[in-house]
């Protein structure tokens, strides 16, 4: 297996563990990792009228988009940084660019664009899977990162279901 295949296998493993270990609201979002590479991620959230705030079931609650971005940023950090033992969101900003109104799936792209020894910086975009519609939101975050010999991902990977 060459280095490129090894990297692809690692990215696939990270995405698989991330999906399998989803808890709470994130598991309710039914997220699908569509792209996972060191340069960033793309995640799809199927339309869910339970996340809407209007009677017609088309206007997504802003908190859903914020949680979606935060989760995608965490995944992007796993992909970009080796041996993350713990990670915590320090700052998260979301710029809502237009109403989040649609019945289409939501797509978010996220990247870890810079990292220091203890901090990761992220940016991301959110849009509906509808041709011609502009972005719904952009987000920016910073995470506190602690690196260790055993990564948080490795710990999650070795835990049994329901642990």
Protein backbone atom coordinates (compact mmCIF):
# COMPACT_ATOMS: atom_id res chain seq x y z
CA UNK A 1 0.00 0.00 0.00
CA UNK A 2 1.57 3.32 -1.04
CA UNK A 3 1.35 6.49 1.05
CA UNK A 4 -1.62 7.82 -0.92
CA UNK A 5 -3.59 4.60 -0.31
CA UNK A 6 -2.57 4.68 3.36
CA UNK A 7 -3.82 8.26 3.70
CA UNK A 8 -7.10 7.40 1.98
CA UNK A 9 -7.56 4.40 4.29
CA UNK A 10 -6.89 6.59 7.36
CA UNK A 11 -9.41 9.20 6.17
CA UNK A 12 -12.03 6.52 5.56
CA UNK A 13 -11.43 5.05 9.03
CA UNK A 14 -11.77 8.48 10.68
CA UNK A 15 -15.03 9.19 8.85
CA UNK A 16 -16.39 5.74 9.72
CA UNK A 17 -15.60 6.05 13.43
CA UNK A 18 -16.98 9.61 13.50
CA UNK A 19 -20.29 8.44 11.99
CA UNK A 20 -20.52 5.34 14.19
CA UNK A 21 -19.87 7.23 17.46
CA UNK A 22 -22.31 10.11 16.87
CA UNK A 23 -24.39 10.91 19.95
CA UNK A 24 -27.34 13.12 20.83
CA UNK A 25 -28.35 15.79 18.35
CA UNK A 26 -25.58 14.81 15.96
CA UNK A 27 -26.99 11.28 15.67
CA UNK A 28 -30.46 12.75 15.05
CA UNK A 29 -29.01 14.79 12.19
CA UNK A 30 -28.20 11.54 10.30
CA UNK A 31 -25.01 13.10 8.88
CA UNK A 32 -23.25 11.51 5.92
CA UNK A 33 -19.56 12.18 5.27
CA UNK A 34 -19.26 12.75 1.53
CA UNK A 35 -15.63 13.85 1.43
CA UNK A 36 -12.91 13.29 4.02
CA UNK A 37 -9.34 14.31 3.31
CA UNK A 38 -6.57 16.23 5.02
CA UNK A 39 -7.69 19.39 3.18
CA UNK A 40 -11.18 19.27 4.66
CA UNK A 41 -14.53 17.56 4.81
CA UNK A 42 -17.92 17.76 3.19
CA UNK A 43 -20.89 16.51 5.19
CA UNK A 44 -24.54 16.14 4.15
CA UNK A 45 -27.52 16.45 6.49
CA UNK A 46 -30.76 15.12 4.99
CA UNK A 47 -33.75 17.46 5.20
CA UNK A 48 -35.63 16.96 8.47
CA UNK A 49 -38.82 18.96 9.13
CA UNK A 50 -38.33 18.42 12.90
CA UNK A 51 -35.44 20.92 12.70
CA UNK A 52 -37.67 23.63 11.23
CA UNK A 53 -39.18 26.56 13.15
CA UNK A 54 -42.07 27.48 10.82
CA UNK A 55 -45.45 25.85 10.25
CA UNK A 56 -44.58 25.01 6.63
CA UNK A 57 -41.52 23.02 7.72
CA UNK A 58 -39.02 24.82 5.51
CA UNK A 59 -37.09 27.24 7.80
CA UNK A 60 -34.20 25.53 9.61
CA UNK A 61 -33.38 26.65 13.15
CA UNK A 62 -30.05 28.48 13.29
CA UNK A 63 -28.89 26.29 16.17
CA UNK A 64 -28.99 23.26 13.88
CA UNK A 65 -26.65 24.97 11.42
CA UNK A 66 -24.33 25.98 14.26
CA UNK A 67 -24.20 22.42 15.64
CA UNK A 68 -23.62 21.09 12.12
CA UNK A 69 -20.66 23.44 11.59
CA UNK A 70 -19.16 22.67 15.01
CA UNK A 71 -19.33 18.94 14.35
CA UNK A 72 -17.84 19.26 10.85
CA UNK A 73 -15.01 21.41 12.25
CA UNK A 74 -14.20 18.69 14.79
CA UNK A 75 -14.03 16.09 12.02
CA UNK A 76 -11.81 18.38 9.92
CA UNK A 77 -9.45 18.70 12.91
CA UNK A 78 -9.17 14.90 13.23
CA UNK A 79 -8.26 14.69 9.56
CA UNK A 80 -5.69 17.49 9.63
CA UNK A 81 -3.97 16.87 12.97
CA UNK A 82 -2.31 13.66 14.15
CA UNK A 83 -2.76 12.29 17.68
CA UNK A 84 -5.53 14.56 18.96
CA UNK A 85 -6.07 13.32 22.53
CA UNK A 86 -8.70 15.92 23.44
CA UNK A 87 -10.34 18.80 21.65
CA UNK A 88 -12.70 21.56 22.79
CA UNK A 89 -14.39 24.41 20.93
CA UNK A 90 -12.98 27.71 22.20
CA UNK A 91 -14.68 30.10 19.78
CA UNK A 92 -17.42 29.53 17.22
CA UNK A 93 -18.90 32.26 15.04
CA UNK A 94 -21.58 31.82 12.41
CA UNK A 95 -22.51 34.46 9.87
CA UNK A 96 -26.02 33.83 8.59
CA UNK A 97 -26.11 35.13 5.02
CA UNK A 98 -29.75 34.47 4.14
CA UNK A 99 -32.74 32.64 5.58
CA UNK A 100 -32.17 28.89 5.85
CA UNK A 101 -35.35 28.09 4.00
CA UNK A 102 -35.59 24.99 1.82
CA UNK A 103 -36.66 21.37 1.84
CA UNK A 104 -33.34 20.26 0.33
CA UNK A 105 -30.47 18.51 2.10
CA UNK A 106 -27.94 20.76 3.82
CA UNK A 107 -24.28 20.48 2.90
CA UNK A 108 -21.40 21.84 4.96
CA UNK A 109 -17.75 22.01 4.00
CA UNK A 110 -15.17 22.55 6.72
CA UNK A 111 -11.41 22.82 6.88
CA UNK A 112 -8.71 23.20 9.48
CA UNK A 113 -6.77 25.96 7.74
CA UNK A 114 -4.13 26.53 10.43
CA UNK A 115 -2.84 24.75 13.48
CA UNK A 116 -0.40 25.54 16.23
CA UNK A 117 0.80 23.25 18.98
CA UNK A 118 -2.40 23.82 21.00
CA UNK A 119 -4.92 25.58 18.74
CA UNK A 120 -6.69 24.64 15.50
CA UNK A 121 -8.40 27.26 13.33
CA UNK A 122 -11.34 26.35 11.11
CA UNK A 123 -13.55 27.84 8.43
CA UNK A 124 -16.62 26.45 6.73
CA UNK A 125 -19.59 27.09 4.49
CA UNK A 126 -23.21 25.88 4.56
CA UNK A 127 -25.59 25.63 1.60
CA UNK A 128 -28.64 23.71 0.43
CA UNK A 129 -28.28 21.02 -2.22
CA UNK A 130 -30.23 23.14 -4.68
CA UNK A 131 -28.57 24.48 -7.85
CA UNK A 132 -28.36 28.23 -8.08
CA UNK A 133 -29.02 29.10 -4.44
CA UNK A 134 -26.34 31.08 -2.61
CA UNK A 135 -24.69 30.00 0.64
CA UNK A 136 -26.80 30.03 3.78
CA UNK A 137 -23.99 30.63 6.26
CA UNK A 138 -20.26 30.77 6.87
CA UNK A 139 -18.57 29.77 10.07
CA UNK A 140 -15.25 30.20 11.82
CA UNK A 141 -13.93 28.44 14.90
CA UNK A 142 -10.92 27.83 17.04
CA UNK A 143 -10.36 24.69 19.07
CA UNK A 144 -8.09 23.90 21.97
CA UNK A 145 -6.09 20.81 21.02
CA UNK A 146 -4.16 18.50 23.28
CA UNK A 147 -2.05 15.89 21.53
CA UNK A 148 -1.14 12.54 23.06
CA UNK A 149 0.35 9.18 22.27
CA UNK A 150 -3.12 7.71 21.94
CA UNK A 151 -5.55 9.79 19.93
CA UNK A 152 -9.17 10.33 20.91
CA UNK A 153 -10.08 8.68 17.61
CA UNK A 154 -8.11 5.52 18.51
CA UNK A 155 -9.89 5.38 21.88
CA UNK A 156 -13.28 5.68 20.19
CA UNK A 157 -12.31 3.06 17.63
CA UNK A 158 -11.48 0.48 20.31
CA UNK A 159 -14.64 1.06 22.38
CA UNK A 160 -17.47 -1.36 21.85
CA UNK A 161 -20.92 -0.26 20.66
CA UNK A 162 -22.86 1.63 23.30
CA UNK A 163 -19.74 2.37 25.37
